[in-house]
Amino acid sequence: MTNDAESRRLRKITGASKNLAKRYRLPETALRIIEKAGKIHGQQSRAIQVAVELIWNVPGYLVNIPESIIKSPKTGKTFKLPPRTVGLIEALAREYETQGNVLAACAVMLSRPDPRGGLTKAPEPTPAQQGVDPNETKQAKKARLARTKQLLRETLGEAKRKE
């Protein structure tokens, strides 16, 4: 057997997981919200994974974390998370100051009835419907993209993410 096949075989036997056990210090209020969301999503780690992906996929915006969550006492908790989720939490920590604040933002996302804030996805318009000219100049393209970004900011209605 090759090394990869042997590793797969042993993982199946031992039940070894590719997920990483990672300990985070987060506000107790955020932890309670994540625990409640874990019942909905099946696992707390899955709830965190969903929320982190939602935050990551809206670049340029920050989730407004209420002071009541940030000021609650901190507690330590270990979660078994996929490596991608751990990496995204570390990357988002640069914008949210700490990894615990990232998890607090996740808790806020999970506590909303609709995490996207009532947005509906419009059907994708064709380039002709967008008014995109194939002979468009760089300056015109830059102006069109700026208008699109402004419209996105107004639609989402959230605080712009620090750049």
C-alpha atoms as a PDB file:
ATOM      1  CA  MET A   1       0.000   0.000   0.000  1.00  0.00           C
ATOM      2  CA  THR A   2       1.111   3.545  -0.671  1.00  0.00           C
ATOM      3  CA  ASN A   3       1.617   5.980   2.146  1.00  0.00           C
ATOM      4  CA  ASP A   4      -1.600   7.919   1.293  1.00  0.00           C
ATOM      5  CA  ALA A   5      -3.706   4.760   1.165  1.00  0.00           C
ATOM      6  CA  GLU A   6      -2.230   3.588   4.459  1.00  0.00           C
ATOM      7  CA  SER A   7      -2.962   6.967   6.083  1.00  0.00           C
ATOM      8  CA  ARG A   8      -6.582   6.889   4.868  1.00  0.00           C
ATOM      9  CA  ARG A   9      -6.975   3.334   6.145  1.00  0.00           C
ATOM     10  CA  LEU A  10      -5.586   4.264   9.571  1.00  0.00           C
ATOM     11  CA  ARG A  11      -7.785   7.392   9.787  1.00  0.00           C
ATOM     12  CA  LYS A  12     -10.863   5.270   9.148  1.00  0.00           C
ATOM     13  CA  ILE A  13      -9.825   2.795  11.829  1.00  0.00           C
ATOM     14  CA  THR A  14      -8.868   5.351  14.485  1.00  0.00           C
ATOM     15  CA  GLY A  15     -11.582   7.871  13.633  1.00  0.00           C
ATOM     16  CA  ALA A  16      -8.923  10.565  13.298  1.00  0.00           C
ATOM     17  CA  SER A  17     -10.286  13.854  12.039  1.00  0.00           C
ATOM     18  CA  LYS A  18      -8.728  16.470   9.797  1.00  0.00           C
ATOM     19  CA  ASN A  19     -10.360  19.135  11.977  1.00  0.00           C
ATOM     20  CA  LEU A  20      -8.179  21.136  14.339  1.00  0.00           C
ATOM     21  CA  ALA A  21      -8.938  21.477  18.043  1.00  0.00           C
ATOM     22  CA  LYS A  22      -8.470  25.174  18.736  1.00  0.00           C
ATOM     23  CA  ARG A  23      -9.107  27.051  21.986  1.00  0.00           C
ATOM     24  CA  TYR A  24     -10.556  30.552  21.852  1.00  0.00           C
ATOM     25  CA  ARG A  25     -11.288  33.187  24.501  1.00  0.00           C
ATOM     26  CA  LEU A  26     -14.656  34.691  23.712  1.00  0.00           C
ATOM     27  CA  PRO A  27     -17.435  36.555  25.534  1.00  0.00           C
ATOM     28  CA  GLU A  28     -19.819  34.310  27.503  1.00  0.00           C
ATOM     29  CA  THR A  29     -22.844  35.857  25.789  1.00  0.00           C
ATOM     30  CA  ALA A  30     -21.389  34.958  22.384  1.00  0.00           C
ATOM     31  CA  LEU A  31     -20.727  31.416  23.598  1.00  0.00           C
ATOM     32  CA  ARG A  32     -24.368  30.990  24.689  1.00  0.00           C
ATOM     33  CA  ILE A  33     -25.577  32.206  21.277  1.00  0.00           C
ATOM     34  CA  ILE A  34     -23.191  29.805  19.497  1.00  0.00           C
ATOM     35  CA  GLU A  35     -24.372  26.923  21.705  1.00  0.00           C
ATOM     36  CA  LYS A  36     -27.996  27.722  20.831  1.00  0.00           C
ATOM     37  CA  ALA A  37     -27.127  27.944  17.111  1.00  0.00           C
ATOM     38  CA  GLY A  38     -25.273  24.629  17.408  1.00  0.00           C
ATOM     39  CA  LYS A  39     -28.601  22.929  18.096  1.00  0.00           C
ATOM     40  CA  ILE A  40     -30.014  24.377  14.873  1.00  0.00           C
ATOM     41  CA  HIS A  41     -26.953  23.521  12.749  1.00  0.00           C
ATOM     42  CA  GLY A  42     -26.284  20.161  14.374  1.00  0.00           C
ATOM     43  CA  GLN A  43     -22.906  21.140  15.836  1.00  0.00           C
ATOM     44  CA  GLN A  44     -21.382  24.273  17.315  1.00  0.00           C
ATOM     45  CA  SER A  45     -18.411  23.960  14.973  1.00  0.00           C
ATOM     46  CA  ARG A  46     -20.729  23.834  11.957  1.00  0.00           C
ATOM     47  CA  ALA A  47     -22.566  26.944  13.178  1.00  0.00           C
ATOM     48  CA  ILE A  48     -19.229  28.772  13.518  1.00  0.00           C
ATOM     49  CA  GLN A  49     -18.157  27.560  10.078  1.00  0.00           C
ATOM     50  CA  VAL A  50     -21.371  28.904   8.501  1.00  0.00           C
ATOM     51  CA  ALA A  51     -21.076  32.288  10.235  1.00  0.00           C
ATOM     52  CA  VAL A  52     -17.374  32.727   9.387  1.00  0.00           C
ATOM     53  CA  GLU A  53     -18.081  31.993   5.722  1.00  0.00           C
ATOM     54  CA  LEU A  54     -20.943  34.522   5.724  1.00  0.00           C
ATOM     55  CA  ILE A  55     -18.676  37.200   7.218  1.00  0.00           C
ATOM     56  CA  TRP A  56     -15.812  36.341   4.872  1.00  0.00           C
ATOM     57  CA  ASN A  57     -18.011  36.517   1.772  1.00  0.00           C
ATOM     58  CA  VAL A  58     -19.075  40.126   2.422  1.00  0.00           C
ATOM     59  CA  PRO A  59     -15.737  41.932   1.955  1.00  0.00           C
ATOM     60  CA  GLY A  60     -15.514  45.565   2.962  1.00  0.00           C
ATOM     61  CA  TYR A  61     -18.077  45.351   5.783  1.00  0.00           C
ATOM     62  CA  LEU A  62     -17.885  44.678   9.512  1.00  0.00           C
ATOM     63  CA  VAL A  63     -20.569  43.131  11.686  1.00  0.00           C
ATOM     64  CA  ASN A  64     -21.646  45.564  14.393  1.00  0.00           C
ATOM     65  CA  ILE A  65     -21.124  43.738  17.694  1.00  0.00           C
ATOM     66  CA  PRO A  66     -23.308  45.113  20.521  1.00  0.00           C
ATOM     67  CA  GLU A  67     -21.463  46.414  23.581  1.00  0.00           C
ATOM     68  CA  SER A  68     -23.428  43.991  25.777  1.00  0.00           C
ATOM     69  CA  ILE A  69     -21.690  41.071  24.034  1.00  0.00           C
ATOM     70  CA  ILE A  70     -18.212  42.626  24.018  1.00  0.00           C
ATOM     71  CA  LYS A  71     -18.410  43.656  27.704  1.00  0.00           C
ATOM     72  CA  SER A  72     -19.575  40.246  28.973  1.00  0.00           C
ATOM     73  CA  PRO A  73     -16.913  38.209  30.833  1.00  0.00           C
ATOM     74  CA  LYS A  74     -14.529  36.177  28.680  1.00  0.00           C
ATOM     75  CA  THR A  75     -14.410  32.408  28.805  1.00  0.00           C
ATOM     76  CA  GLY A  76     -12.245  29.787  27.102  1.00  0.00           C
ATOM     77  CA  LYS A  77     -13.766  27.169  24.813  1.00  0.00           C
ATOM     78  CA  THR A  78     -12.223  24.578  22.497  1.00  0.00           C
ATOM     79  CA  PHE A  79     -13.823  23.965  19.118  1.00  0.00           C
ATOM     80  CA  LYS A  80     -12.861  21.343  16.523  1.00  0.00           C
ATOM     81  CA  LEU A  81     -12.893  23.346  13.318  1.00  0.00           C
ATOM     82  CA  PRO A  82     -11.847  22.683   9.716  1.00  0.00           C
ATOM     83  CA  PRO A  83      -8.440  24.167   8.833  1.00  0.00           C
ATOM     84  CA  ARG A  84     -10.040  26.656   6.404  1.00  0.00           C
ATOM     85  CA  THR A  85     -12.311  28.020   9.141  1.00  0.00           C
ATOM     86  CA  VAL A  86      -9.358  28.391  11.540  1.00  0.00           C
ATOM     87  CA  GLY A  87      -7.458  30.278   8.821  1.00  0.00           C
ATOM     88  CA  LEU A  88     -10.400  32.577   8.111  1.00  0.00           C
ATOM     89  CA  ILE A  89     -10.817  33.353  11.827  1.00  0.00           C
ATOM     90  CA  GLU A  90      -7.118  34.265  12.028  1.00  0.00           C
ATOM     91  CA  ALA A  91      -7.410  36.466   8.921  1.00  0.00           C
ATOM     92  CA  LEU A  92     -10.562  38.201  10.194  1.00  0.00           C
ATOM     93  CA  ALA A  93      -8.887  38.782  13.584  1.00  0.00           C
ATOM     94  CA  ARG A  94      -6.785  41.501  11.919  1.00  0.00           C
ATOM     95  CA  GLU A  95      -9.980  43.465  11.296  1.00  0.00           C
ATOM     96  CA  TYR A  96     -11.820  42.560  14.529  1.00  0.00           C
ATOM     97  CA  GLU A  97      -8.709  42.933  16.777  1.00  0.00           C
ATOM     98  CA  THR A  98      -9.021  39.484  18.421  1.00  0.00           C
ATOM     99  CA  GLN A  99     -10.167  35.997  17.476  1.00  0.00           C
ATOM    100  CA  GLY A 100     -12.706  36.200  20.310  1.00  0.00           C
ATOM    101  CA  ASN A 101     -14.242  39.265  18.658  1.00  0.00           C
ATOM    102  CA  VAL A 102     -14.493  37.323  15.386  1.00  0.00           C
ATOM    103  CA  LEU A 103     -16.465  34.640  17.228  1.00  0.00           C
ATOM    104  CA  ALA A 104     -18.613  37.365  18.813  1.00  0.00           C
ATOM    105  CA  ALA A 105     -19.345  38.647  15.281  1.00  0.00           C
ATOM    106  CA  CYS A 106     -20.239  35.062  14.344  1.00  0.00           C
ATOM    107  CA  ALA A 107     -22.656  34.952  17.272  1.00  0.00           C
ATOM    108  CA  VAL A 108     -24.304  38.169  16.072  1.00  0.00           C
ATOM    109  CA  MET A 109     -24.675  36.692  12.574  1.00  0.00           C
ATOM    110  CA  LEU A 110     -26.143  33.486  14.002  1.00  0.00           C
ATOM    111  CA  SER A 111     -28.608  35.370  16.235  1.00  0.00           C
ATOM    112  CA  ARG A 112     -30.224  37.186  13.318  1.00  0.00           C
ATOM    113  CA  PRO A 113     -33.356  35.668  11.808  1.00  0.00           C
ATOM    114  CA  ASP A 114     -31.854  36.333   8.364  1.00  0.00           C
ATOM    115  CA  PRO A 115     -28.053  36.758   8.533  1.00  0.00           C
ATOM    116  CA  ARG A 116     -28.025  38.698   5.274  1.00  0.00           C
ATOM    117  CA  GLY A 117     -30.361  41.277   6.771  1.00  0.00           C
ATOM    118  CA  GLY A 118     -33.305  40.696   4.447  1.00  0.00           C
ATOM    119  CA  LEU A 119     -31.337  41.011   1.223  1.00  0.00           C
ATOM    120  CA  THR A 120     -32.621  39.132  -1.768  1.00  0.00           C
ATOM    121  CA  LYS A 121     -30.376  37.986  -4.550  1.00  0.00           C
ATOM    122  CA  ALA A 122     -31.366  39.568  -7.808  1.00  0.00           C
ATOM    123  CA  PRO A 123     -31.029  37.540 -11.006  1.00  0.00           C
ATOM    124  CA  GLU A 124     -27.710  38.097 -12.739  1.00  0.00           C
ATOM    125  CA  PRO A 125     -28.178  40.606 -15.557  1.00  0.00           C
ATOM    126  CA  THR A 126     -26.534  40.016 -18.897  1.00  0.00           C
ATOM    127  CA  PRO A 127     -23.695  42.368 -19.927  1.00  0.00           C
ATOM    128  CA  ALA A 128     -26.090  44.112 -22.328  1.00  0.00           C
ATOM    129  CA  GLN A 129     -28.571  44.706 -19.466  1.00  0.00           C
ATOM    130  CA  GLN A 130     -25.756  46.079 -17.303  1.00  0.00           C
ATOM    131  CA  GLY A 131     -24.886  48.561 -20.010  1.00  0.00           C
ATOM    132  CA  VAL A 132     -21.341  47.227 -20.319  1.00  0.00           C
ATOM    133  CA  ASP A 133     -19.676  48.318 -23.508  1.00  0.00           C
ATOM    134  CA  PRO A 134     -16.912  45.970 -24.746  1.00  0.00           C
ATOM    135  CA  ASN A 135     -15.037  49.079 -25.939  1.00  0.00           C
ATOM    136  CA  GLU A 136     -15.339  50.752 -22.523  1.00  0.00           C
ATOM    137  CA  THR A 137     -12.348  52.874 -21.440  1.00  0.00           C
ATOM    138  CA  LYS A 138     -10.468  52.198 -18.210  1.00  0.00           C
ATOM    139  CA  GLN A 139     -11.766  55.430 -16.702  1.00  0.00           C
ATOM    140  CA  ALA A 140     -15.387  54.582 -17.555  1.00  0.00           C
ATOM    141  CA  LYS A 141     -14.963  51.071 -16.118  1.00  0.00           C
ATOM    142  CA  LYS A 142     -13.504  52.524 -12.903  1.00  0.00           C
ATOM    143  CA  ALA A 143     -16.493  54.894 -12.551  1.00  0.00           C
ATOM    144  CA  ARG A 144     -18.980  52.046 -13.209  1.00  0.00           C
ATOM    145  CA  LEU A 145     -17.315  49.861 -10.568  1.00  0.00           C
ATOM    146  CA  ALA A 146     -17.356  52.740  -8.059  1.00  0.00           C
ATOM    147  CA  ARG A 147     -21.118  53.182  -8.622  1.00  0.00           C
ATOM    148  CA  THR A 148     -21.634  49.429  -8.116  1.00  0.00           C
ATOM    149  CA  LYS A 149     -19.636  49.464  -4.850  1.00  0.00           C
ATOM    150  CA  GLN A 150     -21.625  52.450  -3.570  1.00  0.00           C
ATOM    151  CA  LEU A 151     -24.900  50.711  -4.386  1.00  0.00           C
ATOM    152  CA  LEU A 152     -23.691  47.587  -2.546  1.00  0.00           C
ATOM    153  CA  ARG A 153     -22.786  49.645   0.543  1.00  0.00           C
ATOM    154  CA  GLU A 154     -26.213  51.299   0.567  1.00  0.00           C
ATOM    155  CA  THR A 155     -27.996  47.979   0.043  1.00  0.00           C
ATOM    156  CA  LEU A 156     -26.204  46.132   2.830  1.00  0.00           C
ATOM    157  CA  GLY A 157     -26.475  49.022   5.286  1.00  0.00           C
ATOM    158  CA  GLU A 158     -23.601  47.793   7.459  1.00  0.00           C
ATOM    159  CA  ALA A 159     -20.499  49.631   8.625  1.00  0.00           C
ATOM    160  CA  LYS A 160     -17.702  49.609   6.054  1.00  0.00           C
ATOM    161  CA  ARG A 161     -14.896  47.219   6.959  1.00  0.00           C
ATOM    162  CA  LYS A 162     -11.554  48.805   7.840  1.00  0.00           C
ATOM    163  CA  GLU A 163      -9.149  48.681   4.919  1.00  0.00           C
END
